[in-house]
Amino acid sequence: MRRPLLLLTAITFVTWTGTRMTAVALPLVALAETGGAWATGLVGGMAGLPLLTVGWWGRGLRERLTSGRALAVVMAVNAAGLAIVPVAALAGRIGAVTLCASGLVTGAAGALLGPAQRALVADLADGYVDGGGRAGSARWLAWQDLAHRVSMVFAPPAGAWLVVAWGVRPLLWCESLVVALAAGVMLAVPAARRNGQDPSDGQDPSDGQDPSVGAAAGVSAPAVVRSRPQIAAGVLMAGVGGLCWFGFTLGLAVLGVQHGRPGVLIAAGVSAYGIASVATSLLVPLVIHRLPRAPLMVASWIVLGATFVLLPGAAPSVAGISALAAVAGAATPWGNAALSSLISEQTTGAERRAAFTAQTVLHSGGSSLGLLVGGALIGFAGVGPVLVATGCVQVLAGVAGALWLRGAARSDRATGKIQLPVPRRAGGRRRPSSASRPGAG
């Protein structure tokens, strides 16, 4: 089981690197071909629509994404979506329709791929532990997050350099080819077991079965999240964090302009944040299995919010901005890892995929919404008050999450319904405790 887990981690790194490089190239193509700045954000904007609605249209599809073969099909669709723009460029027909089509296809594929990959990592990690491996799902998910964060730091400048060295269109073709090759590699990843099936039997759990049969077909992401207070609190805190993220990116950009240092503060802040998050992500997989999940989530979001509050006072000092951004970058991976660990430990199968989908929709969807309205809020209230407000909202979300978790724990003790560790049954395979299933107790 170790080999497919390593393959999934490598695929995450390669595809995210390509995605971030493409984000550099696409606006340049749109601007050059259409001549209008309004077109530069069409791909990214349209890609957000499938993400926000994936809970509705993707419910039946995500139940089938339990193997590398199924994920390879989605990745192939993603590669085709990426190829729409360079193909249209060859014909000289890039316009709003082309850009929107590319955004919709890649957005739909991405909305399915992210949660499905994390769920498959958790499923395969459970089997790895059952077979005698030492690294469980919490640690493998943390390694996957590290691959994501490493790409976040070096891919954008690498993409900018390649645009200069190669040109925009070759870079877009390269990205499409890389994703297509990653889809081929994904075929080597075996299926996850379903409903306790032993993965060692070599069968795809979807073979010979109707995927719509059983509980998996009717799993609702909101129902799964509501039934588990720790996951619910973590998902909501992550959603608030995503919604407030514009305060960091847009806020530092505007703050630099106001202090006569355009581009300097945002560059310093983003660089310090990225480097600190990568350095921390190297440590997280080594210790995450020893740390309490819920307190780690709460502390992470409170610390992140506190840095937002302090940013206006640190400007225009580059050192001050960098120090606060580094603290924020060091705090974030802990909260993400703790939430992913809770999802992998308290859910299995279709419920696990539903919970990861809820995490993705609220966090990434909240980030898109925040960027949509953030500029108007900063223009109306001023960058300093907005930074303080977004920081306070995150701190309050952390405090509210802590109180919610405390109240849920008291209620569970009073009713005799407690969140138990995931037990093992005969043969060493895991199953969710009855206390953690909806309707239990």
Protein backbone atom coordinates (compact mmCIF):
# COMPACT_ATOMS: atom_id res chain seq x y z
CA MET A 1 0.00 0.00 0.00
CA ARG A 2 2.97 2.35 0.40
CA ARG A 3 3.62 2.63 -3.35
CA PRO A 4 0.14 3.93 -4.31
CA LEU A 5 0.27 6.42 -1.44
CA LEU A 6 3.60 7.75 -2.72
CA LEU A 7 2.14 7.94 -6.23
CA LEU A 8 -0.86 9.96 -4.99
CA THR A 9 1.43 12.37 -3.14
CA ALA A 10 3.62 12.82 -6.24
CA ILE A 11 0.56 13.36 -8.46
CA THR A 12 -0.70 16.02 -6.04
CA PHE A 13 2.61 17.86 -6.29
CA VAL A 14 2.84 17.68 -10.08
CA THR A 15 -0.75 18.68 -10.80
CA TRP A 16 -0.79 21.55 -8.30
CA THR A 17 2.51 22.83 -9.69
CA GLY A 18 1.05 22.85 -13.17
CA THR A 19 -2.16 24.50 -11.99
CA ARG A 20 -0.28 27.35 -10.34
CA MET A 21 1.91 27.86 -13.39
CA THR A 22 -1.19 27.98 -15.56
CA ALA A 23 -2.63 30.66 -13.30
CA VAL A 24 0.29 32.84 -14.38
CA ALA A 25 -0.14 32.15 -18.09
CA LEU A 26 -3.91 32.20 -18.63
CA PRO A 27 -4.51 35.89 -17.83
CA LEU A 28 -1.75 36.82 -20.27
CA VAL A 29 -3.34 34.76 -23.04
CA ALA A 30 -6.77 36.25 -22.34
CA LEU A 31 -5.39 39.78 -22.35
CA ALA A 32 -3.37 39.28 -25.52
CA GLU A 33 -6.15 37.58 -27.48
CA THR A 34 -9.16 39.63 -26.38
CA GLY A 35 -7.49 42.96 -25.66
CA GLY A 36 -9.67 43.45 -22.60
CA ALA A 37 -8.65 43.23 -18.97
CA TRP A 38 -12.18 42.04 -18.11
CA ALA A 39 -11.39 38.64 -19.68
CA THR A 40 -8.36 37.88 -17.51
CA GLY A 41 -10.40 36.45 -14.64
CA LEU A 42 -13.02 34.56 -16.66
CA VAL A 43 -11.38 31.13 -16.34
CA GLY A 44 -10.85 31.42 -12.60
CA GLY A 45 -14.27 32.93 -12.05
CA MET A 46 -16.12 30.27 -14.02
CA ALA A 47 -14.09 27.54 -12.30
CA GLY A 48 -15.57 28.65 -8.98
CA LEU A 49 -19.15 27.92 -10.04
CA PRO A 50 -18.84 24.11 -10.14
CA LEU A 51 -17.01 24.18 -6.82
CA LEU A 52 -19.78 26.08 -5.06
CA THR A 53 -22.46 23.72 -6.42
CA VAL A 54 -20.59 20.38 -6.32
CA GLY A 55 -22.60 19.27 -3.29
CA TRP A 56 -25.65 19.24 -5.53
CA TRP A 57 -24.47 18.01 -8.94
CA GLY A 58 -21.53 15.89 -7.76
CA ARG A 59 -23.21 13.71 -5.12
CA GLY A 60 -23.76 10.73 -7.42
CA LEU A 61 -20.39 11.10 -9.12
CA ARG A 62 -18.27 11.24 -5.97
CA GLU A 63 -19.60 7.83 -4.84
CA ARG A 64 -17.84 6.32 -7.86
CA LEU A 65 -14.45 7.96 -7.26
CA THR A 66 -13.03 5.15 -5.13
CA SER A 67 -10.11 4.02 -7.28
CA GLY A 68 -7.23 5.36 -9.29
CA ARG A 69 -9.01 4.29 -12.45
CA ALA A 70 -12.01 6.48 -11.67
CA LEU A 71 -9.83 9.45 -10.69
CA ALA A 72 -7.82 9.02 -13.90
CA VAL A 73 -10.98 9.60 -15.93
CA VAL A 74 -11.66 12.86 -14.08
CA MET A 75 -8.03 13.94 -14.54
CA ALA A 76 -8.31 13.24 -18.26
CA VAL A 77 -11.37 15.51 -18.39
CA ASN A 78 -9.33 18.14 -16.55
CA ALA A 79 -6.53 17.83 -19.11
CA ALA A 80 -9.06 18.28 -21.92
CA GLY A 81 -10.42 21.39 -20.22
CA LEU A 82 -6.93 22.85 -19.92
CA ALA A 83 -6.30 22.16 -23.62
CA ILE A 84 -9.34 24.19 -24.72
CA VAL A 85 -7.50 27.51 -24.51
CA PRO A 86 -4.28 26.57 -26.37
CA VAL A 87 -6.30 24.73 -29.05
CA ALA A 88 -8.49 27.80 -29.53
CA ALA A 89 -5.36 29.96 -29.64
CA LEU A 90 -4.06 27.91 -32.57
CA ALA A 91 -7.28 28.68 -34.44
CA GLY A 92 -7.20 32.32 -33.37
CA ARG A 93 -10.63 32.02 -31.76
CA ILE A 94 -10.08 32.77 -28.09
CA GLY A 95 -13.03 34.66 -26.70
CA ALA A 96 -15.31 34.81 -23.69
CA VAL A 97 -17.05 31.54 -24.60
CA THR A 98 -13.74 29.67 -24.88
CA LEU A 99 -12.45 31.00 -21.57
CA CYS A 100 -15.73 30.23 -19.79
CA ALA A 101 -15.82 26.70 -21.21
CA SER A 102 -12.28 26.01 -20.02
CA GLY A 103 -13.10 27.37 -16.58
CA LEU A 104 -16.26 25.29 -16.23
CA VAL A 105 -14.61 22.03 -17.30
CA THR A 106 -11.49 22.44 -15.16
CA GLY A 107 -13.54 23.74 -12.24
CA ALA A 108 -15.87 20.75 -12.33
CA ALA A 109 -12.96 18.32 -12.52
CA GLY A 110 -11.11 20.08 -9.71
CA ALA A 111 -14.18 20.14 -7.47
CA LEU A 112 -14.38 16.35 -7.72
CA LEU A 113 -10.65 15.58 -7.68
CA GLY A 114 -9.57 17.38 -4.51
CA PRO A 115 -11.92 15.66 -2.03
CA ALA A 116 -11.70 12.32 -3.86
CA GLN A 117 -7.90 12.27 -3.74
CA ARG A 118 -7.85 13.03 -0.01
CA ALA A 119 -10.47 10.38 0.68
CA LEU A 120 -8.54 7.81 -1.36
CA VAL A 121 -5.33 8.67 0.50
CA ALA A 122 -7.13 8.12 3.82
CA ASP A 123 -8.66 4.83 2.62
CA LEU A 124 -5.35 3.46 1.36
CA ALA A 125 -3.54 4.64 4.50
CA ASP A 126 -6.03 2.68 6.62
CA GLY A 127 -5.16 -0.41 4.59
CA TYR A 128 -1.45 0.37 4.94
CA VAL A 129 -1.76 0.42 8.74
CA ASP A 130 -3.82 -2.76 8.71
CA GLY A 131 -1.00 -4.41 6.77
CA GLY A 132 1.58 -3.43 9.40
CA GLY A 133 2.56 0.04 8.21
CA ARG A 134 3.33 2.70 10.80
CA ALA A 135 2.10 5.87 9.07
CA GLY A 136 -1.67 6.29 9.29
CA SER A 137 -4.06 8.50 7.37
CA ALA A 138 -3.27 11.63 9.43
CA ARG A 139 0.39 11.51 8.45
CA TRP A 140 -0.20 10.68 4.77
CA LEU A 141 -2.72 13.50 4.45
CA ALA A 142 -0.17 15.83 6.02
CA TRP A 143 2.43 14.74 3.44
CA GLN A 144 -0.09 15.50 0.71
CA ASP A 145 -0.66 18.96 2.18
CA LEU A 146 3.11 19.49 2.17
CA ALA A 147 3.24 18.67 -1.55
CA HIS A 148 0.49 21.24 -2.10
CA ARG A 149 2.30 23.93 -0.14
CA VAL A 150 5.67 23.36 -1.80
CA SER A 151 4.01 23.92 -5.16
CA MET A 152 2.45 27.11 -3.80
CA VAL A 153 5.88 28.60 -3.07
CA PHE A 154 7.94 27.82 -6.16
CA ALA A 155 5.39 27.25 -8.97
CA PRO A 156 4.31 30.90 -9.57
CA PRO A 157 7.85 32.27 -10.02
CA ALA A 158 8.75 29.20 -12.08
CA GLY A 159 5.69 29.83 -14.24
CA ALA A 160 6.69 33.48 -14.72
CA TRP A 161 10.20 32.42 -15.76
CA LEU A 162 8.84 29.84 -18.22
CA VAL A 163 6.52 32.43 -19.74
CA VAL A 164 9.61 34.53 -20.51
CA ALA A 165 11.72 31.56 -21.66
CA TRP A 166 9.10 29.61 -23.65
CA GLY A 167 6.14 31.85 -24.16
CA VAL A 168 2.60 31.52 -22.91
CA ARG A 169 1.15 28.97 -25.33
CA PRO A 170 3.90 26.33 -24.91
CA LEU A 171 3.42 26.55 -21.15
CA LEU A 172 -0.32 25.89 -21.48
CA TRP A 173 0.33 22.91 -23.77
CA CYS A 174 2.87 21.61 -21.27
CA GLU A 175 0.36 21.84 -18.42
CA SER A 176 -2.26 19.90 -20.40
CA LEU A 177 0.30 17.22 -21.20
CA VAL A 178 1.46 16.97 -17.58
CA VAL A 179 -2.09 16.46 -16.30
CA ALA A 180 -2.73 13.86 -19.02
CA LEU A 181 0.42 11.97 -18.00
CA ALA A 182 -0.61 12.20 -14.34
CA ALA A 183 -3.94 10.63 -15.32
CA GLY A 184 -2.00 7.73 -16.84
CA VAL A 185 0.05 7.31 -13.66
CA MET A 186 -3.16 7.41 -11.60
CA LEU A 187 -4.24 4.16 -13.26
CA ALA A 188 -1.60 2.38 -11.16
CA VAL A 189 -3.37 3.38 -7.93
CA PRO A 190 -5.63 0.55 -6.71
CA ALA A 191 -9.22 0.85 -5.58
CA ALA A 192 -10.20 1.73 -2.05
CA ARG A 193 -12.21 -0.84 -0.21
CA ARG A 194 -15.90 -0.19 0.27
CA ASN A 195 -17.94 -1.24 3.30
CA GLY A 196 -15.12 -3.26 4.78
CA GLN A 197 -13.98 -5.07 1.63
CA ASP A 198 -10.44 -6.29 1.97
CA PRO A 199 -8.30 -4.46 -0.60
CA SER A 200 -5.96 -7.43 -0.78
CA ASP A 201 -8.49 -9.40 -2.78
CA GLY A 202 -7.44 -7.37 -5.83
CA GLN A 203 -10.96 -6.42 -6.83
CA ASP A 204 -12.31 -3.00 -7.54
CA PRO A 205 -15.21 -2.54 -5.12
CA SER A 206 -17.27 -1.11 -7.92
CA ASP A 207 -16.89 -4.26 -10.03
CA GLY A 208 -20.07 -6.27 -10.19
CA GLN A 209 -21.96 -3.83 -7.98
CA ASP A 210 -24.50 -1.14 -8.59
CA PRO A 211 -22.96 1.99 -7.09
CA SER A 212 -26.40 3.31 -6.28
CA VAL A 213 -27.15 0.39 -3.97
CA GLY A 214 -26.81 0.95 -0.25
CA ALA A 215 -26.29 3.92 1.97
CA ALA A 216 -23.56 5.40 -0.17
CA ALA A 217 -26.03 6.60 -2.76
CA GLY A 218 -27.91 8.83 -0.33
CA VAL A 219 -25.05 10.36 1.66
CA SER A 220 -25.49 14.08 2.25
CA ALA A 221 -22.43 16.16 3.06
CA PRO A 222 -24.34 18.51 5.43
CA ALA A 223 -25.82 15.51 7.27
CA VAL A 224 -22.41 13.87 7.68
CA VAL A 225 -20.86 17.10 8.99
CA ARG A 226 -23.75 17.89 11.36
CA SER A 227 -23.58 14.45 12.94
CA ARG A 228 -19.96 14.97 14.02
CA PRO A 229 -19.47 18.13 16.11
CA GLN A 230 -15.67 18.12 15.86
CA ILE A 231 -15.71 17.93 12.08
CA ALA A 232 -18.52 20.49 11.88
CA ALA A 233 -16.61 22.98 14.03
CA GLY A 234 -13.44 22.45 11.99
CA VAL A 235 -15.19 22.83 8.64
CA LEU A 236 -16.92 26.04 9.73
CA MET A 237 -13.68 27.53 11.08
CA ALA A 238 -11.97 26.65 7.79
CA GLY A 239 -14.85 28.26 5.89
CA VAL A 240 -14.52 31.47 7.89
CA GLY A 241 -10.77 31.42 7.30
CA GLY A 242 -11.28 31.08 3.56
CA LEU A 243 -13.82 33.90 3.52
CA CYS A 244 -11.42 36.23 5.36
CA TRP A 245 -8.32 35.32 3.36
CA PHE A 246 -8.78 38.31 1.07
CA GLY A 247 -7.77 40.48 4.03
CA PHE A 248 -4.24 39.10 3.73
CA THR A 249 -3.78 39.14 -0.04
CA LEU A 250 -5.76 42.20 -1.07
CA GLY A 251 -5.11 43.95 2.23
CA LEU A 252 -1.32 43.77 2.01
CA ALA A 253 -1.39 44.89 -1.62
CA VAL A 254 -3.44 48.00 -0.78
CA LEU A 255 -1.47 48.61 2.43
CA GLY A 256 1.76 48.73 0.45
CA VAL A 257 0.31 51.31 -1.96
CA GLN A 258 -0.91 53.50 0.90
CA HIS A 259 2.55 53.49 2.49
CA GLY A 260 4.35 54.24 -0.76
CA ARG A 261 5.71 50.71 -1.14
CA PRO A 262 3.59 49.17 -3.90
CA GLY A 263 4.21 45.46 -4.31
CA VAL A 264 6.81 45.34 -1.54
CA LEU A 265 4.59 44.43 1.42
CA ILE A 266 2.51 41.86 -0.46
CA ALA A 267 5.67 40.21 -1.83
CA ALA A 268 7.27 40.10 1.62
CA GLY A 269 4.10 38.81 3.27
CA VAL A 270 3.32 36.10 0.72
CA SER A 271 6.95 34.92 0.62
CA ALA A 272 7.26 34.72 4.40
CA TYR A 273 3.89 32.99 4.68
CA GLY A 274 4.79 30.41 2.02
CA ILE A 275 8.25 29.63 3.40
CA ALA A 276 6.96 29.27 6.97
CA SER A 277 4.04 27.09 5.91
CA VAL A 278 6.34 24.76 3.96
CA ALA A 279 8.83 24.54 6.84
CA THR A 280 6.00 23.76 9.26
CA SER A 281 4.48 21.22 6.88
CA LEU A 282 7.75 19.28 7.03
CA LEU A 283 7.22 18.87 10.78
CA VAL A 284 3.47 18.22 10.82
CA PRO A 285 3.53 14.64 9.40
CA LEU A 286 6.05 13.60 12.04
CA VAL A 287 3.97 14.63 15.06
CA ILE A 288 0.34 15.09 13.98
CA HIS A 289 -0.64 11.61 15.19
CA ARG A 290 0.45 12.53 18.73
CA LEU A 291 -1.46 15.83 19.05
CA PRO A 292 -5.08 16.51 20.09
CA ARG A 293 -7.12 17.42 17.04
CA ALA A 294 -9.78 19.84 18.25
CA PRO A 295 -7.51 22.13 20.36
CA LEU A 296 -5.05 22.23 17.47
CA MET A 297 -7.73 23.45 15.06
CA VAL A 298 -8.95 26.13 17.45
CA ALA A 299 -5.46 27.40 18.23
CA SER A 300 -4.51 27.50 14.55
CA TRP A 301 -7.39 29.75 13.49
CA ILE A 302 -7.09 32.01 16.53
CA VAL A 303 -3.39 32.59 15.88
CA LEU A 304 -4.05 33.24 12.18
CA GLY A 305 -6.75 35.79 13.03
CA ALA A 306 -4.51 37.52 15.57
CA THR A 307 -1.84 38.10 12.92
CA PHE A 308 -4.41 39.80 10.68
CA VAL A 309 -5.31 42.17 13.51
CA LEU A 310 -1.65 43.13 14.00
CA LEU A 311 -0.74 43.63 10.33
CA PRO A 312 -1.86 47.29 9.98
CA GLY A 313 0.29 48.26 12.97
CA ALA A 314 3.35 46.54 11.50
CA ALA A 315 3.23 48.48 8.21
CA PRO A 316 5.28 49.83 6.52
CA SER A 317 8.02 47.70 8.09
CA VAL A 318 8.94 44.86 5.76
CA ALA A 319 10.47 42.96 8.68
CA GLY A 320 7.32 43.36 10.77
CA ILE A 321 5.02 42.24 7.96
CA SER A 322 7.29 39.30 7.19
CA ALA A 323 7.39 38.20 10.85
CA LEU A 324 3.60 38.28 11.23
CA ALA A 325 3.09 36.52 7.90
CA ALA A 326 5.56 33.83 8.96
CA VAL A 327 3.57 33.25 12.16
CA ALA A 328 0.39 32.96 10.10
CA GLY A 329 2.08 30.54 7.70
CA ALA A 330 3.37 28.42 10.57
CA ALA A 331 -0.09 28.22 12.19
CA THR A 332 -2.21 27.28 9.18
CA PRO A 333 -0.87 23.76 8.41
CA TRP A 334 -1.71 22.56 11.92
CA GLY A 335 -5.38 23.42 11.59
CA ASN A 336 -5.65 21.88 8.13
CA ALA A 337 -3.91 18.69 9.25
CA ALA A 338 -6.06 18.39 12.38
CA LEU A 339 -9.29 18.72 10.39
CA SER A 340 -8.16 16.21 7.75
CA SER A 341 -7.19 13.82 10.55
CA LEU A 342 -10.60 14.11 12.19
CA ILE A 343 -12.36 13.42 8.89
CA SER A 344 -10.19 10.38 8.17
CA GLU A 345 -10.62 9.02 11.71
CA GLN A 346 -14.36 9.57 12.19
CA THR A 347 -15.64 8.64 8.71
CA THR A 348 -15.21 5.94 6.09
CA GLY A 349 -16.35 5.32 2.53
CA ALA A 350 -19.00 7.61 1.08
CA GLU A 351 -19.27 9.63 4.31
CA ARG A 352 -15.55 10.34 4.17
CA ARG A 353 -15.79 11.65 0.61
CA ALA A 354 -18.81 13.76 1.56
CA ALA A 355 -16.96 15.30 4.52
CA PHE A 356 -13.91 16.16 2.43
CA THR A 357 -16.23 17.72 -0.16
CA ALA A 358 -17.83 19.90 2.53
CA GLN A 359 -14.37 21.01 3.67
CA THR A 360 -13.36 21.95 0.12
CA VAL A 361 -16.59 23.77 -0.72
CA LEU A 362 -16.66 25.91 2.42
CA HIS A 363 -12.96 26.78 2.47
CA SER A 364 -12.27 27.27 -1.25
CA GLY A 365 -15.76 28.62 -1.93
CA GLY A 366 -15.42 31.04 0.95
CA SER A 367 -12.08 32.20 -0.42
CA SER A 368 -13.62 32.87 -3.83
CA LEU A 369 -16.51 34.77 -2.28
CA GLY A 370 -14.15 36.80 -0.12
CA LEU A 371 -12.07 37.83 -3.11
CA LEU A 372 -15.24 38.76 -4.95
CA VAL A 373 -16.45 41.23 -2.32
CA GLY A 374 -13.15 42.02 -0.59
CA GLY A 375 -12.06 44.82 -2.87
CA ALA A 376 -15.36 46.63 -2.42
CA LEU A 377 -15.16 46.26 1.36
CA ILE A 378 -11.62 47.64 1.46
CA GLY A 379 -12.66 50.54 -0.76
CA PHE A 380 -15.62 51.31 1.49
CA ALA A 381 -14.15 50.86 4.99
CA GLY A 382 -10.40 51.20 4.43
CA VAL A 383 -7.70 48.54 4.49
CA GLY A 384 -6.78 48.90 8.17
CA PRO A 385 -10.31 48.39 9.56
CA VAL A 386 -10.94 45.50 7.15
CA LEU A 387 -7.75 43.72 8.21
CA VAL A 388 -8.67 44.12 11.88
CA ALA A 389 -12.25 43.01 11.22
CA THR A 390 -11.27 39.90 9.26
CA GLY A 391 -8.79 38.99 11.98
CA CYS A 392 -11.36 39.43 14.73
CA VAL A 393 -13.88 37.33 12.83
CA GLN A 394 -11.38 34.45 12.65
CA VAL A 395 -10.54 34.76 16.34
CA LEU A 396 -14.23 34.77 17.23
CA ALA A 397 -14.79 31.75 14.98
CA GLY A 398 -12.06 29.92 16.88
CA VAL A 399 -13.56 30.85 20.25
CA ALA A 400 -17.04 29.88 19.05
CA GLY A 401 -15.66 26.57 17.79
CA ALA A 402 -14.06 25.87 21.16
CA LEU A 403 -17.31 26.63 23.00
CA TRP A 404 -19.30 24.52 20.56
CA LEU A 405 -16.95 21.57 21.02
CA ARG A 406 -17.08 21.95 24.77
CA GLY A 407 -20.86 22.02 24.77
CA ALA A 408 -21.04 19.00 22.46
CA ALA A 409 -18.68 17.07 24.72
CA ARG A 410 -20.84 17.85 27.76
CA SER A 411 -23.97 16.79 25.91
CA ASP A 412 -22.36 13.54 24.80
CA ARG A 413 -21.25 12.74 28.34
CA ALA A 414 -24.72 13.48 29.68
CA THR A 415 -26.42 11.22 27.11
CA GLY A 416 -23.74 8.56 27.07
CA LYS A 417 -22.95 9.28 23.43
CA ILE A 418 -19.22 9.90 23.04
CA GLN A 419 -16.83 10.08 20.14
CA LEU A 420 -14.78 6.91 20.44
CA PRO A 421 -11.51 6.19 18.66
CA VAL A 422 -11.99 4.19 15.48
CA PRO A 423 -11.93 0.54 16.66
CA ARG A 424 -10.59 -2.49 14.83
CA ARG A 425 -12.54 -5.55 13.97
CA ALA A 426 -11.42 -9.04 13.07
CA GLY A 427 -8.58 -8.97 10.59
CA GLY A 428 -7.35 -5.57 11.80
CA ARG A 429 -9.52 -3.47 9.50
CA ARG A 430 -11.14 -0.34 10.84
CA ARG A 431 -14.77 0.57 11.15
CA PRO A 432 -16.41 3.73 12.48
CA SER A 433 -17.80 3.39 15.98
CA SER A 434 -21.55 3.42 16.37
CA ALA A 435 -21.25 6.61 18.39
CA SER A 436 -19.83 8.45 15.41
CA ARG A 437 -22.52 7.46 12.91
CA PRO A 438 -25.56 9.60 12.23
CA GLY A 439 -28.45 8.52 14.40
CA ALA A 440 -26.29 6.65 16.88
CA GLY A 441 -26.94 6.98 20.59
